[in-house]
Protein backbone atom coordinates (compact mmCIF):
# COMPACT_ATOMS: atom_id res chain seq x y z
CA MET A 1 0.15 0.04 0.32
CA ALA A 2 1.32 3.34 -1.40
CA ARG A 3 1.75 5.98 1.74
CA GLU A 4 1.69 8.97 -0.72
CA SER A 5 0.21 12.56 0.77
CA ARG A 6 -0.25 15.83 -0.10
CA LEU A 7 -0.91 18.90 1.79
CA LEU A 8 -3.29 20.90 0.23
CA TYR A 9 -4.43 24.65 -0.16
CA LEU A 10 -7.99 25.36 -0.31
CA PRO A 11 -9.97 28.94 -0.51
CA ARG A 12 -12.14 27.75 1.85
CA PRO A 13 -13.08 25.07 3.82
CA THR A 14 -14.53 21.82 2.79
CA GLY A 15 -15.20 19.78 5.59
CA GLY A 16 -12.45 17.63 5.31
CA ASP A 17 -13.84 16.26 1.81
CA ALA A 18 -10.30 15.43 0.26
CA ASN A 19 -11.81 15.40 -3.39
CA GLU A 20 -12.42 19.09 -3.53
CA PRO A 21 -10.30 20.74 -6.02
CA GLY A 22 -7.32 22.47 -4.14
CA GLU A 23 -3.78 23.61 -5.11
CA VAL A 24 -1.06 21.04 -4.17
CA LEU A 25 1.53 22.81 -2.04
CA SER A 26 3.72 20.10 -1.12
CA VAL A 27 3.75 16.15 -1.52
CA SER A 28 5.41 13.02 0.22
CA LEU A 29 5.72 9.53 -1.39
CA GLU A 30 6.22 8.04 1.82
CA GLY A 31 4.21 9.30 4.85
CA VAL A 32 3.23 12.46 6.25
CA PRO A 33 6.12 14.93 6.93
CA MET A 34 6.64 15.82 10.52
CA GLY A 35 6.84 18.97 9.47
CA TRP A 36 3.45 19.24 8.30
CA ILE A 37 1.76 17.90 11.69
CA PHE A 38 2.82 20.96 13.26
CA LEU A 39 0.35 22.92 11.10
CA PHE A 40 -2.93 21.25 12.28
CA GLY A 41 -4.03 20.84 16.21
CA GLY A 42 -7.44 20.09 18.04
CA ARG A 43 -8.61 23.46 18.60
CA ASN A 44 -10.64 25.87 16.14
CA TYR A 45 -10.02 29.32 15.88
CA TRP A 46 -12.21 32.36 14.47
CA GLU A 47 -12.67 35.89 15.08
CA PRO A 48 -15.67 37.27 16.89
CA ASP A 49 -17.66 38.29 14.26
CA GLU A 50 -17.37 35.14 12.19
CA HIS A 51 -19.53 32.19 12.16
CA VAL A 52 -18.19 29.42 13.23
CA GLY A 53 -18.84 27.61 10.01
CA GLU A 54 -16.73 29.85 8.19
CA ARG A 55 -13.69 28.58 10.09
CA GLY A 56 -14.25 24.75 9.65
CA GLY A 57 -17.26 23.83 11.92
CA ALA A 58 -17.12 23.52 15.73
CA ALA A 59 -14.96 20.96 17.34
CA SER A 60 -17.44 17.79 16.91
CA GLU A 61 -17.93 18.93 13.58
CA ARG A 62 -14.68 19.53 11.72
CA GLN A 63 -12.07 17.31 9.80
CA ARG A 64 -8.87 17.74 12.53
CA PHE A 65 -6.64 17.72 9.57
CA GLU A 66 -8.08 20.99 7.82
CA THR A 67 -7.22 24.44 9.23
CA PRO A 68 -7.39 27.87 8.42
CA ILE A 69 -3.80 28.99 6.92
CA GLU A 70 -3.03 31.94 9.44
CA VAL A 71 -3.74 29.25 12.04
CA ALA A 72 -1.51 26.97 10.43
CA ASP A 73 1.24 29.44 10.13
CA ALA A 74 1.26 30.49 13.62
CA ARG A 75 1.38 26.69 15.05
CA LEU A 76 4.45 25.98 12.52
CA LEU A 77 6.22 29.55 14.13
CA ASN A 78 5.64 28.39 17.33
CA ALA A 79 7.42 25.36 17.19
CA MET A 80 10.30 26.61 14.84
CA SER A 81 10.62 29.08 17.68
CA SER A 82 11.27 26.59 20.50
CA LEU A 83 13.00 24.27 18.19
CA ARG A 84 15.55 26.42 17.26
CA ASP A 85 16.92 26.17 20.84
CA SER A 86 18.08 22.91 20.24
CA PRO A 87 21.03 22.37 17.67
CA HIS A 88 20.71 19.13 17.68
CA LEU A 89 17.16 19.14 16.44
CA TRP A 90 17.44 22.49 14.10
CA VAL A 91 19.61 20.81 11.87
CA TRP A 92 16.62 18.74 10.72
CA PHE A 93 13.94 21.17 11.52
CA ALA A 94 15.37 24.45 10.18
CA SER A 95 13.94 23.08 6.93
CA MET A 96 10.68 24.23 7.85
CA GLU A 97 11.93 27.81 7.06
CA ILE A 98 10.86 26.98 3.20
CA LEU A 99 7.32 25.56 4.29
CA ARG A 100 6.86 28.71 6.07
CA ARG A 101 7.90 30.91 2.67
CA ARG A 102 5.54 28.64 1.22
CA LEU A 103 2.63 29.38 3.27
CA LYS A 104 2.97 33.06 3.21
CA SER A 105 2.86 33.29 -0.11
CA LYS A 106 -0.71 32.32 -0.29
CA ALA A 107 -3.89 34.11 1.12
CA LYS A 108 -4.63 34.72 4.77
CA ALA A 109 -8.35 33.62 4.30
CA GLY A 110 -7.36 29.77 2.92
CA PHE A 111 -7.15 26.98 4.46
CA LEU A 112 -4.69 24.10 4.62
CA GLN A 113 -5.86 20.37 4.58
CA LEU A 114 -3.98 17.17 4.46
CA ASP A 115 -5.12 14.56 2.04
CA ALA A 116 -3.43 10.84 2.61
CA ALA A 117 -6.56 8.59 2.38
CA TRP A 118 -4.00 5.73 3.87
CA ALA A 119 -3.68 7.53 7.04
CA PHE A 120 -7.74 7.02 7.23
CA GLU A 121 -8.27 3.78 6.03
CA THR A 122 -8.68 1.88 9.35
CA PRO A 123 -10.37 2.77 12.59
CA GLU A 124 -6.70 1.82 13.84
CA ILE A 125 -4.58 3.49 11.93
CA THR A 126 -7.27 6.53 11.92
CA ALA A 127 -6.98 6.72 15.85
CA LYS A 128 -2.79 6.99 15.46
CA THR A 129 -3.26 9.44 12.89
CA SER A 130 -5.57 11.71 15.03
CA GLN A 131 -3.26 11.42 17.79
CA THR A 132 -0.13 12.99 15.92
CA PRO A 133 -0.94 16.65 16.80
CA ALA A 134 -0.93 16.10 20.07
CA TYR A 135 2.14 14.50 20.37
CA ALA A 136 3.82 17.05 18.09
CA GLU A 137 2.62 19.69 20.76
CA ASN A 138 4.31 17.22 23.57
CA TYR A 139 7.69 16.87 21.41
CA VAL A 140 7.55 20.67 21.19
CA ASN A 141 6.86 20.74 25.03
CA MET A 142 9.68 18.85 26.12
CA VAL A 143 12.22 21.27 24.40
CA ASN A 144 10.46 24.07 26.37
CA ILE A 145 10.84 22.70 29.36
CA ASN A 146 14.60 21.55 28.82
CA ARG A 147 13.66 17.84 28.84
CA ILE A 148 14.81 17.05 25.49
CA GLU A 149 16.25 13.51 27.22
CA ASN A 150 12.27 12.74 27.08
CA ILE A 151 11.56 12.65 23.31
CA PRO A 152 12.15 9.20 22.51
CA GLN A 153 9.51 8.58 24.98
CA TYR A 154 7.04 10.99 22.71
CA VAL A 155 7.49 9.66 19.17
CA SER A 156 5.28 6.35 18.84
CA PRO A 157 2.11 7.71 17.28
CA LEU A 158 4.70 9.96 15.28
CA GLU A 159 6.97 7.58 14.13
CA ARG A 160 4.17 5.15 12.50
CA ILE A 161 3.11 7.95 10.33
CA CYS A 162 6.05 9.95 9.57
CA PRO A 163 8.94 9.13 7.00
CA PHE A 164 11.16 10.65 9.68
CA VAL A 165 11.24 11.74 13.24
CA PRO A 166 14.50 13.18 14.58
CA TYR A 167 15.15 11.88 18.28
CA CYS A 168 17.79 14.22 19.68
CA HIS A 169 20.20 11.18 19.25
CA PRO A 170 23.27 10.16 17.60
CA ASP A 171 21.77 7.95 15.36
CA ASP A 172 19.49 10.43 13.58
CA ARG A 173 21.55 10.70 10.51
CA LYS A 174 21.82 7.17 10.29
CA ARG A 175 17.61 6.82 10.30
CA ALA A 176 17.33 9.75 8.28
CA ARG A 177 19.66 8.36 5.38
CA LYS A 178 18.00 4.93 5.32
CA ALA A 179 14.47 6.97 5.28
CA ALA A 180 15.77 8.73 2.28
CA LYS A 181 16.66 6.12 0.04
CA LYS A 182 13.02 5.78 -1.28
CA LEU A 183 13.85 9.68 -2.58
CA GLY A 184 15.91 8.74 -5.10
CA GLU A 185 19.12 10.68 -6.25
CA MET A 186 19.43 14.25 -4.21
CA THR A 187 21.75 15.81 -1.79
CA GLU A 188 21.49 15.00 1.93
CA ALA A 189 20.33 18.22 2.89
CA ALA A 190 17.83 17.93 0.26
CA ALA A 191 16.54 14.78 1.13
CA ALA A 192 16.68 15.81 5.07
CA ALA A 193 14.38 18.55 3.95
CA ALA A 194 12.29 16.39 1.71
CA LEU A 195 11.74 13.90 4.91
CA LEU A 196 10.74 16.78 7.11
CA ILE A 197 8.50 19.25 5.04
CA GLY A 198 8.14 17.22 1.70
CA LEU A 199 8.59 18.01 -1.85
CA PRO A 200 6.74 21.30 -3.62
CA GLY A 201 3.36 20.06 -5.81
CA ASP A 202 4.59 22.28 -8.56
CA ASN A 203 8.40 22.56 -8.92
CA PRO A 204 11.09 20.17 -7.68
CA ALA A 205 13.59 21.98 -9.18
CA LEU A 206 12.39 25.33 -6.96
CA PHE A 207 12.72 23.45 -3.98
CA PHE A 208 16.45 22.52 -4.12
CA GLU A 209 17.30 26.09 -4.83
CA ARG A 210 15.47 26.87 -1.71
CA VAL A 211 17.47 24.47 -0.29
CA THR A 212 20.51 25.68 -0.60
CA ALA A 213 19.52 29.16 0.02
CA PHE A 214 17.59 28.74 3.46
CA TYR A 215 18.72 25.44 4.67
CA GLU A 216 22.09 23.84 3.25
CA ALA A 217 23.96 25.98 5.81
CA GLU A 218 22.36 25.12 8.91
CA PHE A 219 22.52 21.25 7.73
CA ARG A 220 26.09 21.58 7.30
CA LYS A 221 26.57 21.72 11.03
CA ILE A 222 25.73 18.04 11.81
CA ASP A 223 29.19 17.51 11.53
CA ALA A 224 30.05 19.97 14.33
CA LEU A 225 27.53 19.77 17.01
CA PRO A 226 28.20 19.65 20.33
CA PRO A 227 27.78 16.19 22.49
CA TYR A 228 24.15 15.03 22.37
CA PRO A 229 22.05 15.11 25.66
CA ALA A 230 21.83 11.77 27.22
CA VAL A 231 18.13 10.18 26.09
CA LYS A 232 15.93 7.58 28.14
CA ALA A 233 15.87 5.34 25.23
CA ARG A 234 12.98 3.16 24.04
CA LEU A 235 14.63 3.29 20.58
CA SER A 236 13.27 -0.16 20.21
CA LEU A 237 10.61 1.82 18.23
CA SER A 238 13.00 3.32 15.61
CA SER A 239 12.33 3.42 11.84
CA ASP A 240 14.71 0.28 11.66
CA THR A 241 11.70 -1.95 13.72
CA VAL A 242 8.54 -0.31 12.99
CA LYS A 243 7.28 -1.89 9.73
CA ARG A 244 5.98 0.01 6.83
CA PRO A 245 4.45 -0.84 3.60
CA ASP A 246 6.55 -1.02 0.71
CA ILE A 247 5.76 1.81 -1.76
CA PRO A 248 4.95 0.10 -5.28
CA SER A 249 7.18 1.12 -7.81
CA ALA A 250 5.25 3.65 -10.41
CA GLY A 251 7.84 4.20 -13.20
CA GLY A 252 8.99 7.37 -14.25
CA GLY A 253 11.70 8.21 -11.29
CA LEU A 254 10.96 10.41 -8.64
CA LEU A 255 9.84 13.17 -10.96
CA GLY A 256 7.22 10.95 -12.74
CA ARG A 257 5.85 10.05 -9.18
CA LEU A 258 5.74 13.06 -7.99
CA LYS A 259 3.63 14.46 -11.43
CA ARG A 260 1.07 11.80 -10.91
CA LEU A 261 0.51 12.48 -7.35
CA VAL A 262 -0.17 16.36 -8.17
CA GLY A 263 -2.41 15.57 -10.80
CA ARG A 264 -4.50 12.99 -8.89
């Protein structure tokens, strides 16, 4: 079963209907990138003079993975501000600046939606997917309260949905390289960014330019990081042991698969 995912931009809320046409902001050929998870959350937001329906409906009615783009941007900025304090994590999450620039280019009145049918195919995987925003918030909270050593204890649902989750552990680079093998030929910095924020839906070449401009210098710091903090190991659930379905070959290489996914 393919685990292809798309991050869509919509001019108005749809109530979670993934068949509603929308602009593809980013795509992932394997799982939901962790950078996307930060965009969504359990709460609803609206201005006092707006009807709740204009903001996606009441909590009991709306799709958790559809949110106003301005709210998504605020959530992403909050996560970035916290994760920046950990050099061992920021070498990975600095790539979210590329995603944020993409969001800022869109109208504030728009919405974001996760389109990943495989992540909601059964009640079991739907439950795990629905937990991921809360676990991403816990992840950030561990950084905020200087409890980075607890991060491996808070990644279980994330690592079953996301292609790569940094543990703030020396084996992060090894696990990222293994996950990146499904992406095809690209630089290590570009692969790291693709694992955390996906690839753009319209112009992969522009993605590589943005990696060079906004991320590559930060990623190079991985070779000179200070000693890693001690972690409370629960690494038996690492990506080396979590079983993920293989993506069947689609032919045409990486660009061909991206074009197929964007045009779906």
